[in-house]
C-alpha atoms as a PDB file:
ATOM      1  CA  MET A   1     -14.190 -18.509  -7.853  1.00  0.00           C
ATOM      2  CA  ASN A   2     -15.868 -15.995 -10.183  1.00  0.00           C
ATOM      3  CA  LYS A   3     -14.434 -14.924 -13.118  1.00  0.00           C
ATOM      4  CA  ASP A   4     -13.152 -11.422 -11.801  1.00  0.00           C
ATOM      5  CA  ALA A   5     -11.376 -13.291  -8.988  1.00  0.00           C
ATOM      6  CA  GLN A   6     -10.015 -15.244 -10.991  1.00  0.00           C
ATOM      7  CA  MET A   7      -8.384 -12.874 -13.221  1.00  0.00           C
ATOM      8  CA  ARG A   8      -7.204 -10.979 -10.611  1.00  0.00           C
ATOM      9  CA  ALA A   9      -5.588 -14.318  -9.393  1.00  0.00           C
ATOM     10  CA  GLY A  10      -3.673 -14.633 -12.351  1.00  0.00           C
ATOM     11  CA  ILE A  11      -2.540 -10.735 -12.633  1.00  0.00           C
ATOM     12  CA  ASN A  12      -1.250 -11.051  -9.365  1.00  0.00           C
ATOM     13  CA  GLN A  13       0.671 -14.049 -10.355  1.00  0.00           C
ATOM     14  CA  LYS A  14       2.536 -12.843 -13.228  1.00  0.00           C
ATOM     15  CA  LEU A  15       3.710  -9.608 -11.187  1.00  0.00           C
ATOM     16  CA  ILE A  16       4.973 -11.910  -8.972  1.00  0.00           C
ATOM     17  CA  GLU A  17       6.703 -14.543 -10.909  1.00  0.00           C
ATOM     18  CA  THR A  18       7.864 -11.550 -13.102  1.00  0.00           C
ATOM     19  CA  GLY A  19       9.151  -9.488  -9.967  1.00  0.00           C
ATOM     20  CA  GLU A  20       6.470  -6.723 -11.105  1.00  0.00           C
ATOM     21  CA  ARG A  21       5.114  -6.584  -7.949  1.00  0.00           C
ATOM     22  CA  GLU A  22       7.540  -5.630  -6.130  1.00  0.00           C
ATOM     23  CA  ARG A  23       9.064  -3.003  -8.103  1.00  0.00           C
ATOM     24  CA  LEU A  24       5.375  -1.550  -8.173  1.00  0.00           C
ATOM     25  CA  LYS A  25       5.182  -1.977  -4.371  1.00  0.00           C
ATOM     26  CA  GLU A  26       8.490   0.127  -4.071  1.00  0.00           C
ATOM     27  CA  LEU A  27       7.705   3.164  -6.757  1.00  0.00           C
ATOM     28  CA  LEU A  28       4.415   3.314  -5.020  1.00  0.00           C
ATOM     29  CA  ARG A  29       6.170   3.794  -1.375  1.00  0.00           C
ATOM     30  CA  ALA A  30       8.350   6.332  -2.991  1.00  0.00           C
ATOM     31  CA  GLN A  31       5.702   8.305  -4.079  1.00  0.00           C
ATOM     32  CA  LEU A  32       3.697   8.040  -0.654  1.00  0.00           C
ATOM     33  CA  ILE A  33       6.848   9.236   1.356  1.00  0.00           C
ATOM     34  CA  GLU A  34       7.555  11.666  -1.904  1.00  0.00           C
ATOM     35  CA  CYS A  35       4.568  13.355  -1.435  1.00  0.00           C
ATOM     36  CA  GLY A  36       4.475  13.747   2.587  1.00  0.00           C
ATOM     37  CA  TRP A  37       1.414  10.804   2.875  1.00  0.00           C
ATOM     38  CA  LYS A  38       3.524   8.839   5.563  1.00  0.00           C
ATOM     39  CA  ASP A  39       3.887  12.070   7.811  1.00  0.00           C
ATOM     40  CA  GLN A  40       0.589  13.205   6.959  1.00  0.00           C
ATOM     41  CA  LEU A  41      -0.862   9.524   8.474  1.00  0.00           C
ATOM     42  CA  LYS A  42       1.180   9.512  11.298  1.00  0.00           C
ATOM     43  CA  ALA A  43       0.325  13.010  12.280  1.00  0.00           C
ATOM     44  CA  HIS A  44      -3.379  12.121  12.255  1.00  0.00           C
ATOM     45  CA  CYS A  45      -2.308   9.058  14.612  1.00  0.00           C
ATOM     46  CA  LYS A  46      -0.285  10.355  16.608  1.00  0.00           C
ATOM     47  CA  GLU A  47      -4.144  13.031  16.636  1.00  0.00           C
ATOM     48  CA  GLY A  48      -5.744  10.482  17.325  1.00  0.00           C
ATOM     49  CA  ASN A  49      -4.135   8.640  19.570  1.00  0.00           C
ATOM     50  CA  SER A  50      -3.688  11.692  21.905  1.00  0.00           C
ATOM     51  CA  GLY A  51      -7.279  11.726  23.246  1.00  0.00           C
ATOM     52  CA  LEU A  52      -6.719   8.122  24.473  1.00  0.00           C
ATOM     53  CA  ILE A  53      -3.168   8.934  26.467  1.00  0.00           C
ATOM     54  CA  LYS A  54      -3.864  11.226  30.044  1.00  0.00           C
END
């Protein structure tokens, strides 16, 4: 494992141990919903699928 991968793994482990990873995920999820990203993604997927359903 290279140095970057080791550092990432260590940081990820600390985030998991402290519960900070879940907190950050929830914060990101809330911000994405607030800015409308989730709705935009759903609309984009529906547009993409409309050509498949006939």
